[in-house]
Amino acid sequence: AEAMNCKAKMPGGSDSIDMETWWFEDVSVLRIDH
C-alpha cells in the first residue's frame, strides 16, 4: 500500500506523477554517505 501512496501523494495524483523525479525531494534529506 505504501508504494501506491507514493504516487497518490504527488500533486494531481498518480495520473500526473513524474515517474522519474517523484522521489527526489524525499531523498534530499539524506546525509551524503547515505
All heavy atoms as atom14 arrays in JSON, in Angstrom:
{
  "sequence": "AEAMNCKAKMPGGSDSIDMETWWFEDVSVLRIDH",
  "atom14_mask": [
    [1, 1, 1, 1, 1, 0, 0, 0, 0, 0, 0, 0, 0, 0],
    [1, 1, 1, 1, 1, 1, 1, 1, 1, 0, 0, 0, 0, 0],
    [1, 1, 1, 1, 1, 0, 0, 0, 0, 0, 0, 0, 0, 0],
    [1, 1, 1, 1, 1, 1, 1, 1, 0, 0, 0, 0, 0, 0],
    [1, 1, 1, 1, 1, 1, 1, 1, 0, 0, 0, 0, 0, 0],
    [1, 1, 1, 1, 1, 1, 0, 0, 0, 0, 0, 0, 0, 0],
    [1, 1, 1, 1, 1, 1, 1, 1, 1, 0, 0, 0, 0, 0],
    [1, 1, 1, 1, 1, 0, 0, 0, 0, 0, 0, 0, 0, 0],
    [1, 1, 1, 1, 1, 1, 1, 1, 1, 0, 0, 0, 0, 0],
    [1, 1, 1, 1, 1, 1, 1, 1, 0, 0, 0, 0, 0, 0],
    [1, 1, 1, 1, 1, 1, 1, 0, 0, 0, 0, 0, 0, 0],
    [1, 1, 1, 1, 0, 0, 0, 0, 0, 0, 0, 0, 0, 0],
    [1, 1, 1, 1, 0, 0, 0, 0, 0, 0, 0, 0, 0, 0],
    [1, 1, 1, 1, 1, 1, 0, 0, 0, 0, 0, 0, 0, 0],
    [1, 1, 1, 1, 1, 1, 1, 1, 0, 0, 0, 0, 0, 0],
    [1, 1, 1, 1, 1, 1, 0, 0, 0, 0, 0, 0, 0, 0],
    [1, 1, 1, 1, 1, 1, 1, 1, 0, 0, 0, 0, 0, 0],
    [1, 1, 1, 1, 1, 1, 1, 1, 0, 0, 0, 0, 0, 0],
    [1, 1, 1, 1, 1, 1, 1, 1, 0, 0, 0, 0, 0, 0],
    [1, 1, 1, 1, 1, 1, 1, 1, 1, 0, 0, 0, 0, 0],
    [1, 1, 1, 1, 1, 1, 1, 0, 0, 0, 0, 0, 0, 0],
    [1, 1, 1, 1, 1, 1, 1, 1, 1, 1, 1, 1, 1, 1],
    [1, 1, 1, 1, 1, 1, 1, 1, 1, 1, 1, 1, 1, 1],
    [1, 1, 1, 1, 1, 1, 1, 1, 1, 1, 1, 0, 0, 0],
    [1, 1, 1, 1, 1, 1, 1, 1, 1, 0, 0, 0, 0, 0],
    [1, 1, 1, 1, 1, 1, 1, 1, 0, 0, 0, 0, 0, 0],
    [1, 1, 1, 1, 1, 1, 1, 0, 0, 0, 0, 0, 0, 0],
    [1, 1, 1, 1, 1, 1, 0, 0, 0, 0, 0, 0, 0, 0],
    [1, 1, 1, 1, 1, 1, 1, 0, 0, 0, 0, 0, 0, 0],
    [1, 1, 1, 1, 1, 1, 1, 1, 0, 0, 0, 0, 0, 0],
    [1, 1, 1, 1, 1, 1, 1, 1, 1, 1, 1, 0, 0, 0],
    [1, 1, 1, 1, 1, 1, 1, 1, 0, 0, 0, 0, 0, 0],
    [1, 1, 1, 1, 1, 1, 1, 1, 0, 0, 0, 0, 0, 0],
    [1, 1, 1, 1, 1, 1, 1, 1, 1, 1, 0, 0, 0, 0]
  ],
  "atom14_positions": [
    [[0.81, -1.21, 0.0], [0.0, 0.0, 0.0], [0.85, 1.26, 0.0], [0.49, 2.25, -0.63], [-0.91, -0.01, 1.23], [0.0, 0.0, 0.0], [0.0, 0.0, 0.0], [0.0, 0.0, 0.0], [0.0, 0.0, 0.0], [0.0, 0.0, 0.0], [0.0, 0.0, 0.0], [0.0, 0.0, 0.0], [0.0, 0.0, 0.0], [0.0, 0.0, 0.0]],
    [[1.96, 1.25, 0.7], [2.79, 2.46, 0.8], [3.3, 2.88, -0.56], [3.38, 4.06, -0.86], [3.97, 2.21, 1.74], [4.88, 3.41, 1.95], [4.24, 4.49, 2.77], [3.23, 4.22, 3.42], [4.75, 5.63, 2.74], [0.0, 0.0, 0.0], [0.0, 0.0, 0.0], [0.0, 0.0, 0.0], [0.0, 0.0, 0.0], [0.0, 0.0, 0.0]],
    [[3.65, 1.92, -1.39], [4.15, 2.26, -2.73], [3.09, 2.98, -3.53], [3.37, 3.94, -4.24], [4.58, 0.99, -3.46], [0.0, 0.0, 0.0], [0.0, 0.0, 0.0], [0.0, 0.0, 0.0], [0.0, 0.0, 0.0], [0.0, 0.0, 0.0], [0.0, 0.0, 0.0], [0.0, 0.0, 0.0], [0.0, 0.0, 0.0], [0.0, 0.0, 0.0]],
    [[1.88, 2.52, -3.41], [0.8, 3.18, -4.12], [0.55, 4.58, -3.56], [0.19, 5.51, -4.28], [-0.48, 2.36, -4.02], [-0.36, 0.95, -4.62], [0.17, 0.98, -6.37], [1.91, 0.54, -6.22], [0.0, 0.0, 0.0], [0.0, 0.0, 0.0], [0.0, 0.0, 0.0], [0.0, 0.0, 0.0], [0.0, 0.0, 0.0], [0.0, 0.0, 0.0]],
    [[0.75, 4.75, -2.25], [0.57, 6.06, -1.64], [1.63, 7.05, -2.11], [1.42, 8.25, -2.09], [0.62, 5.95, -0.11], [-0.62, 5.29, 0.45], [-1.67, 5.27, -0.2], [-0.51, 4.74, 1.64], [0.0, 0.0, 0.0], [0.0, 0.0, 0.0], [0.0, 0.0, 0.0], [0.0, 0.0, 0.0], [0.0, 0.0, 0.0], [0.0, 0.0, 0.0]],
    [[2.81, 6.52, -2.5], [3.85, 7.38, -3.03], [3.35, 8.12, -4.26], [3.65, 9.29, -4.48], [5.1, 6.56, -3.4], [6.03, 5.97, -1.98], [0.0, 0.0, 0.0], [0.0, 0.0, 0.0], [0.0, 0.0, 0.0], [0.0, 0.0, 0.0], [0.0, 0.0, 0.0], [0.0, 0.0, 0.0], [0.0, 0.0, 0.0], [0.0, 0.0, 0.0]],
    [[2.57, 7.43, -5.08], [2.01, 8.06, -6.25], [0.89, 9.02, -5.87], [0.78, 10.12, -6.38], [1.45, 7.01, -7.22], [2.51, 6.14, -7.86], [1.88, 5.2, -8.87], [2.92, 4.33, -9.55], [2.3, 3.44, -10.56], [0.0, 0.0, 0.0], [0.0, 0.0, 0.0], [0.0, 0.0, 0.0], [0.0, 0.0, 0.0], [0.0, 0.0, 0.0]],
    [[0.04, 8.57, -4.95], [-1.13, 9.36, -4.59], [-0.77, 10.69, -3.96], [-1.51, 11.66, -4.05], [-2.01, 8.56, -3.64], [0.0, 0.0, 0.0], [0.0, 0.0, 0.0], [0.0, 0.0, 0.0], [0.0, 0.0, 0.0], [0.0, 0.0, 0.0], [0.0, 0.0, 0.0], [0.0, 0.0, 0.0], [0.0, 0.0, 0.0], [0.0, 0.0, 0.0]],
    [[0.39, 10.75, -3.27], [0.73, 11.97, -2.56], [1.26, 13.06, -3.49], [1.39, 14.21, -3.1], [1.78, 11.69, -1.49], [3.18, 11.4, -2.05], [4.17, 11.18, -0.94], [5.58, 10.93, -1.5], [6.55, 10.73, -0.43], [0.0, 0.0, 0.0], [0.0, 0.0, 0.0], [0.0, 0.0, 0.0], [0.0, 0.0, 0.0], [0.0, 0.0, 0.0]],
    [[1.56, 12.7, -4.75], [2.06, 13.68, -5.69], [0.94, 14.6, -6.14], [-0.22, 14.22, -6.16], [2.68, 12.98, -6.91], [3.82, 12.05, -6.55], [5.16, 12.87, -5.7], [5.77, 13.94, -7.0], [0.0, 0.0, 0.0], [0.0, 0.0, 0.0], [0.0, 0.0, 0.0], [0.0, 0.0, 0.0], [0.0, 0.0, 0.0], [0.0, 0.0, 0.0]],
    [[1.26, 15.86, -6.52], [0.23, 16.79, -6.99], [-0.53, 16.2, -8.16], [0.06, 15.75, -9.13], [1.05, 18.02, -7.42], [2.3, 17.93, -6.63], [2.59, 16.46, -6.48], [0.0, 0.0, 0.0], [0.0, 0.0, 0.0], [0.0, 0.0, 0.0], [0.0, 0.0, 0.0], [0.0, 0.0, 0.0], [0.0, 0.0, 0.0], [0.0, 0.0, 0.0]],
    [[-1.85, 16.18, -8.06], [-2.66, 15.66, -9.15], [-2.88, 14.17, -9.09], [-3.58, 13.61, -9.93], [0.0, 0.0, 0.0], [0.0, 0.0, 0.0], [0.0, 0.0, 0.0], [0.0, 0.0, 0.0], [0.0, 0.0, 0.0], [0.0, 0.0, 0.0], [0.0, 0.0, 0.0], [0.0, 0.0, 0.0], [0.0, 0.0, 0.0], [0.0, 0.0, 0.0]],
    [[-2.25, 13.5, -8.12], [-2.45, 12.06, -8.0], [-1.58, 11.28, -8.96], [-0.69, 11.8, -9.61], [0.0, 0.0, 0.0], [0.0, 0.0, 0.0], [0.0, 0.0, 0.0], [0.0, 0.0, 0.0], [0.0, 0.0, 0.0], [0.0, 0.0, 0.0], [0.0, 0.0, 0.0], [0.0, 0.0, 0.0], [0.0, 0.0, 0.0], [0.0, 0.0, 0.0]],
    [[-1.84, 9.99, -9.06], [-0.98, 9.09, -9.82], [-0.98, 9.38, -11.3], [-0.04, 9.03, -12.0], [-1.39, 7.64, -9.56], [-2.75, 7.45, -9.96], [0.0, 0.0, 0.0], [0.0, 0.0, 0.0], [0.0, 0.0, 0.0], [0.0, 0.0, 0.0], [0.0, 0.0, 0.0], [0.0, 0.0, 0.0], [0.0, 0.0, 0.0], [0.0, 0.0, 0.0]],
    [[-2.03, 10.02, -11.83], [-2.08, 10.27, -13.26], [-1.07, 11.32, -13.69], [-0.64, 11.33, -14.83], [-3.5, 10.73, -13.67], [-4.51, 9.6, -13.52], [-4.08, 8.43, -13.53], [-5.71, 9.9, -13.38], [0.0, 0.0, 0.0], [0.0, 0.0, 0.0], [0.0, 0.0, 0.0], [0.0, 0.0, 0.0], [0.0, 0.0, 0.0], [0.0, 0.0, 0.0]],
    [[-0.74, 12.24, -12.78], [0.17, 13.31, -13.15], [1.57, 13.14, -12.58], [2.39, 14.03, -12.69], [-0.39, 14.67, -12.67], [-0.42, 14.69, -11.26], [0.0, 0.0, 0.0], [0.0, 0.0, 0.0], [0.0, 0.0, 0.0], [0.0, 0.0, 0.0], [0.0, 0.0, 0.0], [0.0, 0.0, 0.0], [0.0, 0.0, 0.0], [0.0, 0.0, 0.0]],
    [[1.85, 12.03, -11.95], [3.15, 11.83, -11.32], [4.26, 11.78, -12.35], [4.11, 11.21, -13.43], [3.15, 10.53, -10.48], [4.46, 10.39, -9.71], [2.95, 9.31, -11.35], [4.46, 9.23, -8.75], [0.0, 0.0, 0.0], [0.0, 0.0, 0.0], [0.0, 0.0, 0.0], [0.0, 0.0, 0.0], [0.0, 0.0, 0.0], [0.0, 0.0, 0.0]],
    [[5.38, 12.42, -12.04], [6.57, 12.3, -12.86], [7.24, 10.99, -12.46], [7.8, 10.87, -11.37], [7.5, 13.49, -12.61], [8.68, 13.5, -13.57], [9.09, 12.4, -13.99], [9.17, 14.59, -13.89], [0.0, 0.0, 0.0], [0.0, 0.0, 0.0], [0.0, 0.0, 0.0], [0.0, 0.0, 0.0], [0.0, 0.0, 0.0], [0.0, 0.0, 0.0]],
    [[7.2, 10.03, -13.32], [7.65, 8.69, -12.97], [9.17, 8.6, -12.74], [9.67, 7.58, -12.32], [7.24, 7.7, -14.08], [5.74, 7.6, -14.27], [4.87, 7.1, -12.76], [5.32, 5.37, -12.68], [0.0, 0.0, 0.0], [0.0, 0.0, 0.0], [0.0, 0.0, 0.0], [0.0, 0.0, 0.0], [0.0, 0.0, 0.0], [0.0, 0.0, 0.0]],
    [[9.89, 9.66, -13.06], [11.34, 9.63, -12.88], [11.8, 10.47, -11.7], [12.79, 10.15, -11.05], [12.03, 10.13, -14.16], [11.86, 9.19, -15.35], [12.63, 9.67, -16.56], [13.09, 10.83, -16.55], [12.77, 8.9, -17.52], [0.0, 0.0, 0.0], [0.0, 0.0, 0.0], [0.0, 0.0, 0.0], [0.0, 0.0, 0.0], [0.0, 0.0, 0.0]],
    [[11.09, 11.57, -11.38], [11.6, 12.52, -10.39], [10.8, 12.57, -9.1], [11.15, 13.36, -8.21], [11.64, 13.94, -10.99], [10.3, 14.35, -11.28], [12.45, 13.96, -12.27], [0.0, 0.0, 0.0], [0.0, 0.0, 0.0], [0.0, 0.0, 0.0], [0.0, 0.0, 0.0], [0.0, 0.0, 0.0], [0.0, 0.0, 0.0], [0.0, 0.0, 0.0]],
    [[9.78, 11.76, -8.96], [8.9, 11.85, -7.79], [9.62, 11.64, -6.46], [9.19, 12.13, -5.42], [7.76, 10.83, -7.91], [8.23, 9.41, -7.95], [8.52, 8.68, -9.06], [8.46, 8.54, -6.84], [8.94, 7.42, -8.72], [8.9, 7.3, -7.36], [8.34, 8.68, -5.46], [9.22, 6.22, -6.54], [8.66, 7.6, -4.65], [9.09, 6.39, -5.2]],
    [[10.73, 10.96, -6.48], [11.42, 10.58, -5.25], [12.53, 11.55, -4.85], [13.12, 11.43, -3.78], [12.01, 9.18, -5.4], [12.85, 8.99, -6.64], [12.41, 8.9, -7.94], [14.27, 8.85, -6.72], [13.47, 8.71, -8.79], [14.61, 8.66, -8.08], [15.28, 8.84, -5.75], [15.92, 8.49, -8.5], [16.59, 8.66, -6.17], [16.9, 8.48, -7.53]],
    [[12.83, 12.54, -5.69], [13.97, 13.42, -5.46], [13.85, 14.18, -4.13], [14.8, 14.26, -3.36], [14.12, 14.43, -6.6], [14.6, 13.83, -7.9], [14.81, 12.47, -8.03], [14.85, 14.64, -9.0], [15.25, 11.92, -9.23], [15.29, 14.11, -10.19], [15.49, 12.75, -10.32], [0.0, 0.0, 0.0], [0.0, 0.0, 0.0], [0.0, 0.0, 0.0]],
    [[12.69, 14.76, -3.88], [12.5, 15.58, -2.69], [12.66, 14.77, -1.42], [13.32, 15.21, -0.46], [11.12, 16.24, -2.73], [10.79, 17.08, -1.5], [11.69, 18.29, -1.35], [12.22, 18.78, -2.37], [11.86, 18.74, -0.2], [0.0, 0.0, 0.0], [0.0, 0.0, 0.0], [0.0, 0.0, 0.0], [0.0, 0.0, 0.0], [0.0, 0.0, 0.0]],
    [[12.1, 13.57, -1.39], [12.16, 12.75, -0.17], [13.6, 12.36, 0.18], [13.99, 12.39, 1.35], [11.31, 11.49, -0.35], [9.82, 11.79, -0.31], [9.46, 12.89, 0.14], [9.04, 10.93, -0.73], [0.0, 0.0, 0.0], [0.0, 0.0, 0.0], [0.0, 0.0, 0.0], [0.0, 0.0, 0.0], [0.0, 0.0, 0.0], [0.0, 0.0, 0.0]],
    [[14.39, 11.99, -0.82], [15.75, 11.52, -0.52], [16.73, 12.67, -0.36], [17.89, 12.44, 0.03], [16.25, 10.54, -1.61], [15.31, 9.37, -1.75], [16.45, 11.24, -2.95], [0.0, 0.0, 0.0], [0.0, 0.0, 0.0], [0.0, 0.0, 0.0], [0.0, 0.0, 0.0], [0.0, 0.0, 0.0], [0.0, 0.0, 0.0], [0.0, 0.0, 0.0]],
    [[16.3, 13.9, -0.63], [17.21, 15.03, -0.49], [17.55, 15.32, 0.97], [18.48, 16.08, 1.26], [16.61, 16.29, -1.14], [15.46, 16.71, -0.44], [0.0, 0.0, 0.0], [0.0, 0.0, 0.0], [0.0, 0.0, 0.0], [0.0, 0.0, 0.0], [0.0, 0.0, 0.0], [0.0, 0.0, 0.0], [0.0, 0.0, 0.0], [0.0, 0.0, 0.0]],
    [[16.82, 14.71, 1.91], [17.11, 14.92, 3.34], [18.23, 14.03, 3.83], [18.72, 14.2, 4.95], [15.84, 14.67, 4.18], [14.71, 15.56, 3.74], [15.41, 13.2, 4.13], [0.0, 0.0, 0.0], [0.0, 0.0, 0.0], [0.0, 0.0, 0.0], [0.0, 0.0, 0.0], [0.0, 0.0, 0.0], [0.0, 0.0, 0.0], [0.0, 0.0, 0.0]],
    [[18.65, 13.08, 3.03], [19.65, 12.1, 3.48], [21.04, 12.72, 3.58], [21.41, 13.58, 2.78], [19.69, 10.91, 2.52], [18.43, 10.07, 2.42], [18.61, 8.94, 1.41], [18.01, 9.51, 3.77], [0.0, 0.0, 0.0], [0.0, 0.0, 0.0], [0.0, 0.0, 0.0], [0.0, 0.0, 0.0], [0.0, 0.0, 0.0], [0.0, 0.0, 0.0]],
    [[21.79, 12.24, 4.54], [23.19, 12.64, 4.68], [23.98, 12.09, 3.5], [23.6, 11.1, 2.87], [23.74, 12.1, 6.0], [25.04, 12.74, 6.46], [25.38, 12.25, 7.85], [25.61, 10.81, 7.87], [25.81, 10.09, 8.98], [25.8, 10.7, 10.16], [26.02, 8.79, 8.91], [0.0, 0.0, 0.0], [0.0, 0.0, 0.0], [0.0, 0.0, 0.0]],
    [[25.12, 12.7, 3.19], [25.85, 12.37, 1.97], [26.22, 10.9, 1.87], [26.11, 10.29, 0.81], [27.12, 13.26, 1.83], [27.84, 12.95, 0.52], [28.02, 13.1, 3.02], [27.03, 13.22, -0.72], [0.0, 0.0, 0.0], [0.0, 0.0, 0.0], [0.0, 0.0, 0.0], [0.0, 0.0, 0.0], [0.0, 0.0, 0.0], [0.0, 0.0, 0.0]],
    [[26.67, 10.27, 2.98], [27.06, 8.87, 2.89], [25.87, 7.97, 2.59], [25.98, 7.02, 1.8], [27.78, 8.42, 4.17], [26.95, 8.69, 5.42], [26.09, 9.59, 5.4], [27.15, 7.99, 6.43], [0.0, 0.0, 0.0], [0.0, 0.0, 0.0], [0.0, 0.0, 0.0], [0.0, 0.0, 0.0], [0.0, 0.0, 0.0], [0.0, 0.0, 0.0]],
    [[24.71, 8.29, 3.19], [23.52, 7.51, 2.9], [23.02, 7.78, 1.48], [22.54, 6.87, 0.8], [22.42, 7.83, 3.91], [22.77, 7.43, 5.3], [22.21, 8.02, 6.42], [23.65, 6.5, 5.78], [22.71, 7.46, 7.51], [23.6, 6.54, 7.14], [0.0, 0.0, 0.0], [0.0, 0.0, 0.0], [0.0, 0.0, 0.0], [0.0, 0.0, 0.0]]
  ]
}
